[in-house]
Amino acid sequence: ACPGARVTICVPLSAFRKMFPGAAATGEEETQTRD
C-alpha cells in the first residue's frame, strides 16, 4: 500500500532462530534477513 516503503518485522531472538534456523543470528544488532 505504500510504494517505496521499507517494512521490518522485529521478533525476539528465540522466535527468529526458529523461523530462520540457517541465519547467522549472533546478536540483535547484527541479525537481519529478508522474507
Full PDB file with SEQRES, HELIX, SHEET, SSBOND, CRYST1, ORIGX, SCALE, CONECT and MASTER records, all heavy atoms in Angstrom:
SEQRES   1 A   35  ALA CYS PRO GLY ALA ARG VAL THR ILE CYS VAL PRO LEU          
SEQRES   2 A   35  SER ALA PHE ARG LYS MET PHE PRO GLY ALA ALA ALA THR          
SEQRES   3 A   35  GLY GLU GLU GLU THR GLN THR ARG ASP                          
HELIX    1 AA1 LEU A   13  MET A   19  1                                   7    
CRYST1    1.000    1.000    1.000  90.00  90.00  90.00 P 1           1          
ORIGX1      1.000000  0.000000  0.000000        0.00000                         
ORIGX2      0.000000  1.000000  0.000000        0.00000                         
ORIGX3      0.000000  0.000000  1.000000        0.00000                         
SCALE1      1.000000  0.000000  0.000000        0.00000                         
SCALE2      0.000000  1.000000  0.000000        0.00000                         
SCALE3      0.000000  0.000000  1.000000        0.00000                         
ATOM      1  N   ALA A   1       0.806  -1.223   0.000  1.00  0.00           N  
ATOM      2  CA  ALA A   1       0.000   0.000   0.000  1.00  0.00           C  
ATOM      3  C   ALA A   1       0.838   1.271   0.000  1.00  0.00           C  
ATOM      4  O   ALA A   1       0.322   2.349  -0.302  1.00  0.00           O  
ATOM      5  CB  ALA A   1      -0.927   0.013   1.217  1.00  0.00           C  
ATOM      6  N   CYS A   2       2.116   1.149   0.360  1.00  0.00           N  
ATOM      7  CA  CYS A   2       2.970   2.333   0.471  1.00  0.00           C  
ATOM      8  C   CYS A   2       4.222   2.113  -0.384  1.00  0.00           C  
ATOM      9  O   CYS A   2       5.281   1.712   0.130  1.00  0.00           O  
ATOM     10  CB  CYS A   2       3.333   2.549   1.945  1.00  0.00           C  
ATOM     11  SG  CYS A   2       4.100   4.131   2.312  1.00  0.00           S  
ATOM     12  N   PRO A   3       4.132   2.330  -1.684  1.00  0.00           N  
ATOM     13  CA  PRO A   3       5.265   2.071  -2.586  1.00  0.00           C  
ATOM     14  C   PRO A   3       6.527   2.785  -2.127  1.00  0.00           C  
ATOM     15  O   PRO A   3       6.492   3.962  -1.748  1.00  0.00           O  
ATOM     16  CB  PRO A   3       4.772   2.605  -3.928  1.00  0.00           C  
ATOM     17  CG  PRO A   3       3.283   2.536  -3.835  1.00  0.00           C  
ATOM     18  CD  PRO A   3       2.960   2.850  -2.409  1.00  0.00           C  
ATOM     19  N   GLY A   4       7.622   2.068  -2.156  1.00  0.00           N  
ATOM     20  CA  GLY A   4       8.906   2.634  -1.758  1.00  0.00           C  
ATOM     21  C   GLY A   4       9.205   2.495  -0.285  1.00  0.00           C  
ATOM     22  O   GLY A   4      10.334   2.744   0.155  1.00  0.00           O  
ATOM     23  N   ALA A   5       8.210   2.099   0.502  1.00  0.00           N  
ATOM     24  CA  ALA A   5       8.443   1.947   1.940  1.00  0.00           C  
ATOM     25  C   ALA A   5       9.229   0.678   2.225  1.00  0.00           C  
ATOM     26  O   ALA A   5       9.184  -0.296   1.472  1.00  0.00           O  
ATOM     27  CB  ALA A   5       7.111   1.898   2.689  1.00  0.00           C  
ATOM     28  N   ARG A   6       9.922   0.713   3.330  1.00  0.00           N  
ATOM     29  CA  ARG A   6      10.617  -0.460   3.829  1.00  0.00           C  
ATOM     30  C   ARG A   6       9.845  -0.941   5.067  1.00  0.00           C  
ATOM     31  O   ARG A   6       9.414  -0.140   5.887  1.00  0.00           O  
ATOM     32  CB  ARG A   6      12.063  -0.121   4.214  1.00  0.00           C  
ATOM     33  CG  ARG A   6      12.913  -1.337   4.605  1.00  0.00           C  
ATOM     34  CD  ARG A   6      14.323  -0.876   4.988  1.00  0.00           C  
ATOM     35  NE  ARG A   6      15.183  -1.996   5.307  1.00  0.00           N  
ATOM     36  CZ  ARG A   6      15.940  -2.638   4.428  1.00  0.00           C  
ATOM     37  NH1 ARG A   6      15.938  -2.260   3.156  1.00  0.00           N  
ATOM     38  NH2 ARG A   6      16.701  -3.651   4.809  1.00  0.00           N  
ATOM     39  N   VAL A   7       9.664  -2.252   5.191  1.00  0.00           N  
ATOM     40  CA  VAL A   7       8.944  -2.821   6.324  1.00  0.00           C  
ATOM     41  C   VAL A   7       9.809  -3.898   6.959  1.00  0.00           C  
ATOM     42  O   VAL A   7      10.288  -4.810   6.273  1.00  0.00           O  
ATOM     43  CB  VAL A   7       7.583  -3.410   5.915  1.00  0.00           C  
ATOM     44  CG1 VAL A   7       6.800  -3.819   7.150  1.00  0.00           C  
ATOM     45  CG2 VAL A   7       6.781  -2.420   5.076  1.00  0.00           C  
ATOM     46  N   THR A   8      10.009  -3.768   8.266  1.00  0.00           N  
ATOM     47  CA  THR A   8      10.842  -4.719   9.004  1.00  0.00           C  
ATOM     48  C   THR A   8      10.047  -5.278  10.175  1.00  0.00           C  
ATOM     49  O   THR A   8       9.451  -4.528  10.941  1.00  0.00           O  
ATOM     50  CB  THR A   8      12.119  -4.035   9.544  1.00  0.00           C  
ATOM     51  OG1 THR A   8      12.845  -3.467   8.451  1.00  0.00           O  
ATOM     52  CG2 THR A   8      13.009  -5.039  10.265  1.00  0.00           C  
ATOM     53  N   ILE A   9      10.041  -6.588  10.292  1.00  0.00           N  
ATOM     54  CA  ILE A   9       9.410  -7.250  11.432  1.00  0.00           C  
ATOM     55  C   ILE A   9      10.501  -7.538  12.460  1.00  0.00           C  
ATOM     56  O   ILE A   9      11.531  -8.126  12.139  1.00  0.00           O  
ATOM     57  CB  ILE A   9       8.716  -8.549  11.012  1.00  0.00           C  
ATOM     58  CG1 ILE A   9       7.615  -8.259   9.984  1.00  0.00           C  
ATOM     59  CG2 ILE A   9       8.120  -9.263  12.223  1.00  0.00           C  
ATOM     60  CD1 ILE A   9       6.951  -9.499   9.431  1.00  0.00           C  
ATOM     61  N   CYS A  10      10.261  -7.114  13.686  1.00  0.00           N  
ATOM     62  CA  CYS A  10      11.245  -7.242  14.760  1.00  0.00           C  
ATOM     63  C   CYS A  10      10.726  -8.282  15.767  1.00  0.00           C  
ATOM     64  O   CYS A  10       9.752  -8.021  16.480  1.00  0.00           O  
ATOM     65  CB  CYS A  10      11.436  -5.872  15.418  1.00  0.00           C  
ATOM     66  SG  CYS A  10      12.797  -5.775  16.593  1.00  0.00           S  
ATOM     67  N   VAL A  11      11.358  -9.443  15.788  1.00  0.00           N  
ATOM     68  CA  VAL A  11      10.884 -10.548  16.623  1.00  0.00           C  
ATOM     69  C   VAL A  11      11.942 -10.904  17.668  1.00  0.00           C  
ATOM     70  O   VAL A  11      13.146 -10.696  17.454  1.00  0.00           O  
ATOM     71  CB  VAL A  11      10.559 -11.792  15.782  1.00  0.00           C  
ATOM     72  CG1 VAL A  11       9.461 -11.510  14.791  1.00  0.00           C  
ATOM     73  CG2 VAL A  11      11.792 -12.325  15.057  1.00  0.00           C  
ATOM     74  N   PRO A  12      11.530 -11.446  18.821  1.00  0.00           N  
ATOM     75  CA  PRO A  12      12.516 -11.909  19.800  1.00  0.00           C  
ATOM     76  C   PRO A  12      13.439 -12.959  19.209  1.00  0.00           C  
ATOM     77  O   PRO A  12      13.052 -13.731  18.327  1.00  0.00           O  
ATOM     78  CB  PRO A  12      11.648 -12.486  20.921  1.00  0.00           C  
ATOM     79  CG  PRO A  12      10.366 -11.722  20.821  1.00  0.00           C  
ATOM     80  CD  PRO A  12      10.161 -11.544  19.341  1.00  0.00           C  
ATOM     81  N   LEU A  13      14.664 -12.975  19.703  1.00  0.00           N  
ATOM     82  CA  LEU A  13      15.694 -13.843  19.147  1.00  0.00           C  
ATOM     83  C   LEU A  13      15.294 -15.309  19.181  1.00  0.00           C  
ATOM     84  O   LEU A  13      15.610 -16.077  18.264  1.00  0.00           O  
ATOM     85  CB  LEU A  13      17.002 -13.632  19.912  1.00  0.00           C  
ATOM     86  CG  LEU A  13      18.290 -14.198  19.302  1.00  0.00           C  
ATOM     87  CD1 LEU A  13      18.481 -13.708  17.886  1.00  0.00           C  
ATOM     88  CD2 LEU A  13      19.485 -13.816  20.175  1.00  0.00           C  
ATOM     89  N   SER A  14      14.569 -15.730  20.228  1.00  0.00           N  
ATOM     90  CA  SER A  14      14.163 -17.137  20.316  1.00  0.00           C  
ATOM     91  C   SER A  14      13.272 -17.517  19.138  1.00  0.00           C  
ATOM     92  O   SER A  14      13.408 -18.617  18.570  1.00  0.00           O  
ATOM     93  CB  SER A  14      13.427 -17.393  21.634  1.00  0.00           C  
ATOM     94  OG  SER A  14      12.272 -16.569  21.745  1.00  0.00           O  
ATOM     95  N   ALA A  15      12.354 -16.636  18.763  1.00  0.00           N  
ATOM     96  CA  ALA A  15      11.476 -16.899  17.626  1.00  0.00           C  
ATOM     97  C   ALA A  15      12.237 -16.792  16.309  1.00  0.00           C  
ATOM     98  O   ALA A  15      12.033 -17.597  15.386  1.00  0.00           O  
ATOM     99  CB  ALA A  15      10.300 -15.928  17.634  1.00  0.00           C  
ATOM    100  N   PHE A  16      13.126 -15.802  16.208  1.00  0.00           N  
ATOM    101  CA  PHE A  16      13.909 -15.603  14.987  1.00  0.00           C  
ATOM    102  C   PHE A  16      14.692 -16.867  14.631  1.00  0.00           C  
ATOM    103  O   PHE A  16      14.740 -17.295  13.481  1.00  0.00           O  
ATOM    104  CB  PHE A  16      14.861 -14.423  15.193  1.00  0.00           C  
ATOM    105  CG  PHE A  16      15.653 -14.035  13.973  1.00  0.00           C  
ATOM    106  CD1 PHE A  16      15.213 -13.011  13.151  1.00  0.00           C  
ATOM    107  CD2 PHE A  16      16.835 -14.679  13.650  1.00  0.00           C  
ATOM    108  CE1 PHE A  16      15.949 -12.636  12.027  1.00  0.00           C  
ATOM    109  CE2 PHE A  16      17.575 -14.316  12.543  1.00  0.00           C  
ATOM    110  CZ  PHE A  16      17.129 -13.288  11.723  1.00  0.00           C  
ATOM    111  N   ARG A  17      15.300 -17.497  15.624  1.00  0.00           N  
ATOM    112  CA  ARG A  17      16.118 -18.699  15.378  1.00  0.00           C  
ATOM    113  C   ARG A  17      15.276 -19.865  14.885  1.00  0.00           C  
ATOM    114  O   ARG A  17      15.744 -20.701  14.114  1.00  0.00           O  
ATOM    115  CB  ARG A  17      16.868 -19.069  16.656  1.00  0.00           C  
ATOM    116  CG  ARG A  17      18.017 -18.127  16.975  1.00  0.00           C  
ATOM    117  CD  ARG A  17      18.562 -18.356  18.365  1.00  0.00           C  
ATOM    118  NE  ARG A  17      19.795 -17.592  18.588  1.00  0.00           N  
ATOM    119  CZ  ARG A  17      20.318 -17.358  19.772  1.00  0.00           C  
ATOM    120  NH1 ARG A  17      19.693 -17.811  20.871  1.00  0.00           N  
ATOM    121  NH2 ARG A  17      21.434 -16.658  19.905  1.00  0.00           N  
ATOM    122  N   LYS A  18      14.008 -19.935  15.332  1.00  0.00           N  
ATOM    123  CA  LYS A  18      13.130 -20.997  14.853  1.00  0.00           C  
ATOM    124  C   LYS A  18      12.654 -20.714  13.439  1.00  0.00           C  
ATOM    125  O   LYS A  18      12.503 -21.633  12.620  1.00  0.00           O  
ATOM    126  CB  LYS A  18      11.923 -21.136  15.783  1.00  0.00           C  
ATOM    127  CG  LYS A  18      12.273 -21.671  17.165  1.00  0.00           C  
ATOM    128  CD  LYS A  18      11.041 -21.698  18.061  1.00  0.00           C  
ATOM    129  CE  LYS A  18      11.383 -22.204  19.450  1.00  0.00           C  
ATOM    130  NZ  LYS A  18      10.193 -22.178  20.350  1.00  0.00           N  
ATOM    131  N   MET A  19      12.428 -19.464  13.135  1.00  0.00           N  
ATOM    132  CA  MET A  19      11.942 -19.092  11.809  1.00  0.00           C  
ATOM    133  C   MET A  19      13.034 -19.157  10.750  1.00  0.00           C  
ATOM    134  O   MET A  19      12.776 -19.514   9.607  1.00  0.00           O  
ATOM    135  CB  MET A  19      11.358 -17.673  11.860  1.00  0.00           C  
ATOM    136  CG  MET A  19      10.134 -17.534  12.743  1.00  0.00           C  
ATOM    137  SD  MET A  19       9.704 -15.801  13.052  1.00  0.00           S  
ATOM    138  CE  MET A  19       9.158 -15.287  11.421  1.00  0.00           C  
ATOM    139  N   PHE A  20      14.253 -18.809  11.141  1.00  0.00           N  
ATOM    140  CA  PHE A  20      15.393 -18.773  10.216  1.00  0.00           C  
ATOM    141  C   PHE A  20      16.549 -19.577  10.800  1.00  0.00           C  
ATOM    142  O   PHE A  20      17.560 -19.008  11.213  1.00  0.00           O  
ATOM    143  CB  PHE A  20      15.834 -17.332   9.959  1.00  0.00           C  
ATOM    144  CG  PHE A  20      14.767 -16.464   9.376  1.00  0.00           C  
ATOM    145  CD1 PHE A  20      14.005 -15.625  10.177  1.00  0.00           C  
ATOM    146  CD2 PHE A  20      14.508 -16.483   8.008  1.00  0.00           C  
ATOM    147  CE1 PHE A  20      13.019 -14.817   9.638  1.00  0.00           C  
ATOM    148  CE2 PHE A  20      13.523 -15.668   7.465  1.00  0.00           C  
ATOM    149  CZ  PHE A  20      12.773 -14.839   8.273  1.00  0.00           C  
ATOM    150  N   PRO A  21      16.425 -20.896  10.879  1.00  0.00           N  
ATOM    151  CA  PRO A  21      17.472 -21.700  11.529  1.00  0.00           C  
ATOM    152  C   PRO A  21      18.828 -21.611  10.841  1.00  0.00           C  
ATOM    153  O   PRO A  21      19.855 -21.855  11.464  1.00  0.00           O  
ATOM    154  CB  PRO A  21      16.903 -23.124  11.473  1.00  0.00           C  
ATOM    155  CG  PRO A  21      15.880 -23.090  10.382  1.00  0.00           C  
ATOM    156  CD  PRO A  21      15.311 -21.724  10.402  1.00  0.00           C  
ATOM    157  N   GLY A  22      18.843 -21.230   9.557  1.00  0.00           N  
ATOM    158  CA  GLY A  22      20.118 -21.144   8.845  1.00  0.00           C  
ATOM    159  C   GLY A  22      20.762 -19.776   8.914  1.00  0.00           C  
ATOM    160  O   GLY A  22      21.893 -19.595   8.445  1.00  0.00           O  
ATOM    161  N   ALA A  23      20.080 -18.797   9.500  1.00  0.00           N  
ATOM    162  CA  ALA A  23      20.625 -17.446   9.552  1.00  0.00           C  
ATOM    163  C   ALA A  23      21.670 -17.327  10.652  1.00  0.00           C  
ATOM    164  O   ALA A  23      21.627 -18.018  11.666  1.00  0.00           O  
ATOM    165  CB  ALA A  23      19.512 -16.430   9.787  1.00  0.00           C  
ATOM    166  N   ALA A  24      22.617 -16.426  10.461  1.00  0.00           N  
ATOM    167  CA  ALA A  24      23.673 -16.207  11.454  1.00  0.00           C  
ATOM    168  C   ALA A  24      23.171 -15.224  12.494  1.00  0.00           C  
ATOM    169  O   ALA A  24      23.487 -14.038  12.458  1.00  0.00           O  
ATOM    170  CB  ALA A  24      24.930 -15.689  10.774  1.00  0.00           C  
ATOM    171  N   ALA A  25      22.360 -15.713  13.426  1.00  0.00           N  
ATOM    172  CA  ALA A  25      21.773 -14.849  14.459  1.00  0.00           C  
ATOM    173  C   ALA A  25      22.706 -14.782  15.655  1.00  0.00           C  
ATOM    174  O   ALA A  25      22.610 -15.540  16.601  1.00  0.00           O  
ATOM    175  CB  ALA A  25      20.414 -15.389  14.875  1.00  0.00           C  
ATOM    176  N   THR A  26      23.656 -13.867  15.604  1.00  0.00           N  
ATOM    177  CA  THR A  26      24.669 -13.771  16.653  1.00  0.00           C  
ATOM    178  C   THR A  26      24.366 -12.697  17.677  1.00  0.00           C  
ATOM    179  O   THR A  26      25.000 -12.627  18.713  1.00  0.00           O  
ATOM    180  CB  THR A  26      26.047 -13.486  16.023  1.00  0.00           C  
ATOM    181  OG1 THR A  26      25.950 -12.271  15.271  1.00  0.00           O  
ATOM    182  CG2 THR A  26      26.450 -14.622  15.101  1.00  0.00           C  
ATOM    183  N   GLY A  27      23.401 -11.849  17.410  1.00  0.00           N  
ATOM    184  CA  GLY A  27      23.085 -10.758  18.333  1.00  0.00           C  
ATOM    185  C   GLY A  27      22.117  -9.812  17.675  1.00  0.00           C  
ATOM    186  O   GLY A  27      22.076  -9.697  16.456  1.00  0.00           O  
ATOM    187  N   GLU A  28      21.301  -9.136  18.465  1.00  0.00           N  
ATOM    188  CA  GLU A  28      20.225  -8.358  17.889  1.00  0.00           C  
ATOM    189  C   GLU A  28      20.718  -7.214  17.014  1.00  0.00           C  
ATOM    190  O   GLU A  28      20.001  -6.771  16.125  1.00  0.00           O  
ATOM    191  CB  GLU A  28      19.292  -7.822  18.986  1.00  0.00           C  
ATOM    192  CG  GLU A  28      19.898  -6.798  19.928  1.00  0.00           C  
ATOM    193  CD  GLU A  28      20.604  -7.427  21.097  1.00  0.00           C  
ATOM    194  OE1 GLU A  28      20.880  -8.646  21.050  1.00  0.00           O  
ATOM    195  OE2 GLU A  28      20.915  -6.708  22.060  1.00  0.00           O  
ATOM    196  N   GLU A  29      21.948  -6.722  17.244  1.00  0.00           N  
ATOM    197  CA  GLU A  29      22.420  -5.621  16.424  1.00  0.00           C  
ATOM    198  C   GLU A  29      22.805  -6.078  15.021  1.00  0.00           C  
ATOM    199  O   GLU A  29      22.963  -5.258  14.135  1.00  0.00           O  
ATOM    200  CB  GLU A  29      23.641  -4.951  17.079  1.00  0.00           C  
ATOM    201  CG  GLU A  29      23.338  -4.219  18.383  1.00  0.00           C  
ATOM    202  CD  GLU A  29      23.384  -5.127  19.589  1.00  0.00           C  
ATOM    203  OE1 GLU A  29      23.656  -6.321  19.422  1.00  0.00           O  
ATOM    204  OE2 GLU A  29      23.137  -4.635  20.699  1.00  0.00           O  
ATOM    205  N   GLU A  30      22.987  -7.377  14.798  1.00  0.00           N  
ATOM    206  CA  GLU A  30      23.513  -7.834  13.523  1.00  0.00           C  
ATOM    207  C   GLU A  30      22.582  -8.785  12.776  1.00  0.00           C  
ATOM    208  O   GLU A  30      22.879  -9.181  11.665  1.00  0.00           O  
ATOM    209  CB  GLU A  30      24.854  -8.558  13.741  1.00  0.00           C  
ATOM    210  CG  GLU A  30      25.905  -7.665  14.371  1.00  0.00           C  
ATOM    211  CD  GLU A  30      27.184  -8.408  14.702  1.00  0.00           C  
ATOM    212  OE1 GLU A  30      27.246  -9.620  14.437  1.00  0.00           O  
ATOM    213  OE2 GLU A  30      28.098  -7.783  15.225  1.00  0.00           O  
ATOM    214  N   THR A  31      21.472  -9.176  13.367  1.00  0.00           N  
ATOM    215  CA  THR A  31      20.627 -10.184  12.748  1.00  0.00           C  
ATOM    216  C   THR A  31      19.569  -9.532  11.888  1.00  0.00           C  
ATOM    217  O   THR A  31      18.658  -8.890  12.372  1.00  0.00           O  
ATOM    218  CB  THR A  31      19.947 -11.046  13.817  1.00  0.00           C  
ATOM    219  OG1 THR A  31      19.257 -10.186  14.729  1.00  0.00           O  
ATOM    220  CG2 THR A  31      20.950 -11.856  14.578  1.00  0.00           C  
ATOM    221  N   GLN A  32      19.698  -9.686  10.587  1.00  0.00           N  
ATOM    222  CA  GLN A  32      18.688  -9.168   9.674  1.00  0.00           C  
ATOM    223  C   GLN A  32      18.626 -10.082   8.474  1.00  0.00           C  
ATOM    224  O   GLN A  32      19.644 -10.563   7.985  1.00  0.00           O  
ATOM    225  CB  GLN A  32      19.016  -7.753   9.233  1.00  0.00           C  
ATOM    226  CG  GLN A  32      17.908  -7.137   8.409  1.00  0.00           C  
ATOM    227  CD  GLN A  32      18.120  -5.661   8.199  1.00  0.00           C  
ATOM    228  OE1 GLN A  32      19.102  -5.112   8.657  1.00  0.00           O  
ATOM    229  NE2 GLN A  32      17.211  -5.034   7.504  1.00  0.00           N  
ATOM    230  N   THR A  33      17.440 -10.353   8.022  1.00  0.00           N  
ATOM    231  CA  THR A  33      17.269 -11.182   6.843  1.00  0.00           C  
ATOM    232  C   THR A  33      16.012 -10.754   6.132  1.00  0.00           C  
ATOM    233  O   THR A  33      15.183 -10.029   6.683  1.00  0.00           O  
ATOM    234  CB  THR A  33      17.206 -12.675   7.204  1.00  0.00           C  
ATOM    235  OG1 THR A  33      17.248 -13.448   6.015  1.00  0.00           O  
ATOM    236  CG2 THR A  33      15.951 -13.010   7.994  1.00  0.00           C  
ATOM    237  N   ARG A  34      15.856 -11.173   4.896  1.00  0.00           N  
ATOM    238  CA  ARG A  34      14.693 -10.813   4.099  1.00  0.00           C  
ATOM    239  C   ARG A  34      13.709 -11.969   4.103  1.00  0.00           C  
ATOM    240  O   ARG A  34      14.087 -13.123   4.256  1.00  0.00           O  
ATOM    241  CB  ARG A  34      15.133 -10.502   2.654  1.00  0.00           C  
ATOM    242  CG  ARG A  34      14.049  -9.896   1.792  1.00  0.00           C  
ATOM    243  CD  ARG A  34      14.639  -9.299   0.516  1.00  0.00           C  
ATOM    244  NE  ARG A  34      15.270 -10.304  -0.306  1.00  0.00           N  
ATOM    245  CZ  ARG A  34      14.609 -11.026  -1.210  1.00  0.00           C  
ATOM    246  NH1 ARG A  34      13.327 -10.877  -1.382  1.00  0.00           N  
ATOM    247  NH2 ARG A  34      15.260 -11.909  -1.939  1.00  0.00           N  
ATOM    248  N   ASP A  35      12.406 -11.668   3.928  1.00  0.00           N  
ATOM    249  CA  ASP A  35      11.392 -12.709   3.864  1.00  0.00           C  
ATOM    250  C   ASP A  35      11.545 -13.423   2.530  1.00  0.00           C  
ATOM    251  O   ASP A  35      10.956 -13.087   1.525  1.00  0.00           O  
ATOM    252  CB  ASP A  35       9.994 -12.096   3.972  1.00  0.00           C  
ATOM    253  CG  ASP A  35       8.937 -13.158   4.197  1.00  0.00           C  
ATOM    254  OD1 ASP A  35       9.317 -14.322   4.400  1.00  0.00           O  
ATOM    255  OD2 ASP A  35       7.753 -12.815   4.179  1.00  0.00           O  
TER     256      ASP A  35                                                      
MASTER        0    0    0    1    0    0    0    6  255    1    0    3          
END                                                                             
